[in-house]
Protein backbone atom coordinates (compact mmCIF):
# COMPACT_ATOMS: atom_id res chain seq x y z
CA MET A 1 56.02 7.64 -58.19
CA GLN A 2 59.18 6.89 -58.54
CA LYS A 3 61.21 9.81 -60.28
CA THR A 4 62.79 9.00 -64.11
CA GLN A 5 65.95 9.93 -64.59
CA THR A 6 65.78 9.94 -68.18
CA ASP A 7 66.89 13.79 -68.64
CA ASP A 8 69.53 12.87 -67.54
CA ARG A 9 70.72 10.33 -70.35
CA GLY A 10 73.74 12.32 -72.13
CA PRO A 11 73.89 14.47 -74.81
CA GLY A 12 71.47 13.41 -78.08
CA ARG A 13 68.63 11.88 -79.73
CA PRO A 14 67.33 9.38 -77.66
CA THR A 15 67.61 6.12 -78.84
CA ARG A 16 63.31 4.51 -79.84
CA GLU A 17 63.48 2.65 -76.88
CA GLN A 18 64.28 5.60 -75.02
CA ALA A 19 61.96 7.80 -76.18
CA ALA A 20 59.35 4.96 -75.76
CA ALA A 21 60.44 4.80 -71.53
CA ILE A 22 60.17 8.68 -71.36
CA ALA A 23 56.57 8.71 -73.47
CA ASP A 24 55.33 5.87 -70.90
CA ALA A 25 57.09 7.61 -67.72
CA VAL A 26 54.95 10.82 -68.75
CA LEU A 27 51.52 9.23 -69.37
CA ALA A 28 51.89 6.72 -66.04
CA GLY A 29 52.85 10.28 -64.13
CA ALA A 30 50.28 12.39 -65.40
CA HIS A 31 47.67 10.15 -64.93
CA GLU A 32 49.08 9.58 -61.43
CA MET A 33 48.61 13.32 -60.45
CA PHE A 34 44.97 13.46 -62.76
CA LEU A 35 44.12 11.21 -60.38
CA ALA A 36 45.74 13.06 -57.20
CA LYS A 37 44.53 16.19 -58.32
CA GLY A 38 41.84 16.47 -60.68
CA TYR A 39 42.32 17.50 -64.53
CA ALA A 40 42.12 21.40 -64.29
CA ALA A 41 44.68 21.95 -60.58
CA ALA A 42 47.17 19.38 -62.16
CA GLY A 43 49.96 21.75 -63.98
CA MET A 44 52.21 20.47 -66.47
CA ASP A 45 55.36 21.71 -64.21
CA GLU A 46 53.51 19.75 -61.58
CA ILE A 47 53.55 16.68 -64.43
CA ALA A 48 56.90 17.51 -65.56
CA ALA A 49 58.51 17.35 -61.64
CA HIS A 50 56.40 14.62 -60.58
CA VAL A 51 58.25 12.04 -63.90
CA GLY A 52 61.27 13.64 -63.72
CA VAL A 53 61.37 14.77 -66.58
CA SER A 54 61.55 18.77 -68.45
CA LYS A 55 58.07 20.84 -69.60
CA LEU A 56 59.78 20.86 -72.40
CA THR A 57 60.29 17.18 -73.10
CA ILE A 58 56.44 16.60 -72.26
CA TYR A 59 55.35 19.01 -75.24
CA ARG A 60 57.87 17.94 -77.44
CA ARG A 61 55.38 14.93 -77.15
CA PHE A 62 52.40 16.23 -76.51
CA PRO A 63 51.46 19.42 -77.49
CA SER A 64 48.58 20.03 -74.76
CA LYS A 65 47.39 19.39 -71.71
CA GLU A 66 44.07 17.90 -73.70
CA ALA A 67 46.54 16.06 -75.77
CA LEU A 68 48.04 14.26 -72.91
CA LEU A 69 44.86 13.68 -71.27
CA ILE A 70 43.70 11.69 -74.29
CA ALA A 71 46.61 9.62 -74.33
CA VAL A 72 46.52 8.74 -70.86
CA VAL A 73 42.70 7.32 -72.13
CA ASP A 74 44.51 5.72 -74.54
CA ARG A 75 46.93 4.27 -72.81
CA VAL A 76 44.83 2.83 -69.93
CA ILE A 77 42.87 0.63 -72.86
CA ALA A 78 45.45 -0.20 -74.51
CA GLU A 79 46.42 -1.77 -71.06
CA LEU A 80 43.04 -3.09 -71.02
CA THR A 81 42.57 -5.07 -74.51
CA ALA A 82 46.00 -6.68 -73.23
CA ALA A 83 44.92 -7.60 -70.16
CA VAL A 84 41.93 -9.47 -72.20
CA GLU A 85 43.66 -10.79 -75.04
CA LEU A 86 45.74 -12.74 -72.48
CA ASN A 87 42.40 -14.19 -70.24
CA VAL A 88 41.36 -15.00 -74.00
CA LEU A 89 44.26 -17.01 -74.27
CA ALA A 90 43.71 -19.35 -71.38
CA SER A 91 40.01 -19.63 -72.31
CA THR A 92 38.94 -23.04 -73.41
CA SER A 93 35.78 -22.60 -75.40
CA PRO A 94 33.58 -18.91 -76.65
CA LEU A 95 31.55 -18.52 -73.36
CA ASP A 96 34.48 -19.19 -71.31
CA ALA A 97 36.26 -16.81 -73.75
CA LEU A 98 33.38 -13.97 -73.64
CA GLU A 99 32.57 -14.72 -69.63
CA GLU A 100 36.50 -14.05 -69.11
CA THR A 101 36.47 -11.29 -71.37
CA ILE A 102 33.42 -9.02 -69.71
CA LYS A 103 34.77 -9.87 -66.78
CA THR A 104 37.96 -8.06 -67.44
CA VAL A 105 36.73 -5.45 -68.56
CA PHE A 106 33.87 -5.39 -65.26
CA LYS A 107 36.75 -5.90 -63.20
CA ALA A 108 38.77 -2.90 -64.14
CA SER A 109 35.61 -0.88 -64.17
CA VAL A 110 35.04 -1.35 -60.36
CA GLU A 111 38.75 -0.20 -59.16
CA PRO A 112 38.78 2.65 -57.29
CA ASP A 113 41.54 4.57 -59.50
CA ALA A 114 39.34 3.62 -62.79
CA VAL A 115 36.22 5.15 -61.14
CA SER A 116 37.77 8.45 -60.07
CA PHE A 117 39.03 8.63 -63.74
CA GLY A 118 35.79 7.75 -65.04
CA ARG A 119 34.17 10.50 -62.79
CA LEU A 120 37.14 13.15 -63.91
CA LEU A 121 36.32 12.46 -67.59
CA SER A 122 32.55 12.66 -67.27
CA CYS A 123 33.35 15.72 -65.92
CA GLU A 124 35.71 17.45 -68.42
CA SER A 125 33.43 16.63 -71.27
CA ALA A 126 30.66 18.06 -69.68
CA HIS A 127 32.40 20.85 -71.11
CA ASN A 128 34.49 19.46 -73.39
CA ALA A 129 33.17 18.29 -77.25
CA MET A 130 36.34 17.34 -78.24
CA LEU A 131 36.36 14.39 -75.04
CA ARG A 132 32.65 13.82 -76.03
CA GLN A 133 33.50 13.25 -79.57
CA ARG A 134 36.54 10.44 -78.16
CA PHE A 135 33.77 8.92 -76.03
CA SER A 136 32.58 6.60 -78.24
CA ALA A 137 35.52 5.50 -79.89
CA TRP A 138 36.94 5.26 -76.74
CA GLN A 139 33.51 2.76 -76.24
CA GLY A 140 33.94 1.22 -78.99
CA LYS A 141 37.91 -0.12 -78.46
CA ILE A 142 36.68 -1.63 -74.87
CA ARG A 143 33.31 -2.94 -76.36
CA GLY A 144 35.54 -4.55 -79.39
CA PRO A 145 36.34 -7.56 -77.72
CA VAL A 146 33.98 -8.21 -76.27
CA LEU A 147 31.75 -8.07 -79.22
CA ARG A 148 34.46 -10.52 -81.40
CA GLN A 149 33.60 -13.33 -78.43
CA ILE A 150 29.92 -12.67 -78.83
CA SER A 151 30.54 -13.55 -82.26
CA ALA A 152 32.98 -16.54 -82.07
CA ALA A 153 29.96 -18.24 -79.60
CA GLN A 154 27.17 -17.36 -81.66
CA GLN A 155 29.22 -19.16 -84.76
CA GLN A 156 29.90 -21.71 -82.54
CA GLY A 157 25.72 -22.53 -82.17
CA LYS A 158 26.03 -21.51 -77.79
CA ILE A 159 24.05 -18.63 -78.06
CA ASP A 160 21.41 -16.35 -79.86
CA ASP A 161 22.27 -15.30 -83.03
CA GLY A 162 20.73 -12.15 -83.01
CA ASP A 163 22.68 -8.96 -83.72
CA PRO A 164 25.94 -9.95 -81.90
CA ALA A 165 26.20 -5.73 -81.82
CA ILE A 166 23.35 -5.14 -79.85
CA LEU A 167 24.21 -8.21 -77.29
CA CYS A 168 27.62 -7.11 -76.90
CA ALA A 169 25.53 -3.03 -75.87
CA ILE A 170 22.67 -5.65 -73.36
CA LEU A 171 25.54 -7.10 -71.51
CA CYS A 172 27.84 -4.41 -71.28
CA ASP A 173 24.58 -2.35 -70.09
CA LEU A 174 23.87 -4.71 -67.57
CA MET A 175 27.70 -4.36 -66.66
CA ASP A 176 28.11 -1.01 -66.61
CA GLY A 177 25.40 -0.38 -63.92
CA LEU A 178 28.07 -0.69 -60.83
CA PRO A 179 30.29 1.42 -62.46
CA LYS A 180 28.19 4.20 -62.97
CA ALA A 181 26.96 3.92 -59.60
CA LEU A 182 30.10 4.07 -58.10
CA ARG A 183 31.37 7.25 -60.36
CA ASP A 184 28.29 8.80 -59.46
CA GLN A 185 28.54 7.92 -55.77
CA ILE A 186 24.81 6.85 -54.88
CA VAL A 187 26.23 3.17 -54.02
CA ASP A 188 28.99 2.79 -50.70
CA PRO A 189 31.69 0.72 -52.19
CA VAL A 190 31.86 -1.30 -48.89
CA ALA A 191 28.63 -2.09 -48.91
CA ILE A 192 28.70 -3.54 -53.04
CA ASP A 193 29.76 -7.56 -53.61
CA PRO A 194 31.05 -6.79 -57.15
CA GLU A 195 32.14 -10.27 -57.59
CA ALA A 196 28.18 -11.37 -57.10
CA PHE A 197 27.00 -8.19 -59.01
CA PHE A 198 28.90 -9.92 -61.84
CA GLN A 199 26.91 -13.53 -61.30
CA GLU A 200 23.97 -12.44 -61.51
CA ARG A 201 24.21 -10.23 -64.38
CA TRP A 202 26.12 -12.54 -66.25
CA SER A 203 23.82 -15.61 -65.45
CA PHE A 204 20.82 -13.18 -66.29
CA PHE A 205 22.52 -12.41 -69.70
CA LEU A 206 22.91 -16.20 -70.95
CA ARG A 207 19.12 -17.30 -69.60
CA ALA A 208 18.48 -14.79 -72.17
CA VAL A 209 20.51 -15.61 -75.05
CA SER A 210 21.37 -19.22 -74.42
CA VAL A 211 20.07 -21.90 -77.30
């Protein structure tokens, strides 16, 4: 990551746009450092140097490294949900929108950086109660668009009218098999075809819920 020049902007308080740019640069840089060194080994001094800001600049926005990690996860999820919404806009039917939604989530989850970051979060949450508590909220944010598209497809009579939350959990659990196996390092990424994995499970889901 190229160092920013946010600390060289001159005297005075930053504008709202400058403050947003600084926060985004800090989060992007912290994400990179957590991936490169791990959460425990990535010190705030190193993160500040990597971003090109002072450590005080980071602490003004994020009171602890734990708060910084949480903000990084929130940023990742916000980017994912934004990508989902863009793909849904291009969809031509409720089922198409549902497929695009779950495919976007799935493809993001099997990216190497996402696998590594998921592994990091799993390790940290094993001994961090706050992170464990947040996992449910994070999962809800990720699955929210899937749930909405399932409900929309049901309203159009395209899939079974069962409990949409249960159908959402089933679909997401089907798709999480590969990301989980990659995080647990029990499969060789080179030997796996993510597209084939997705299509097999999507077809299975459709056969189970089609009316």
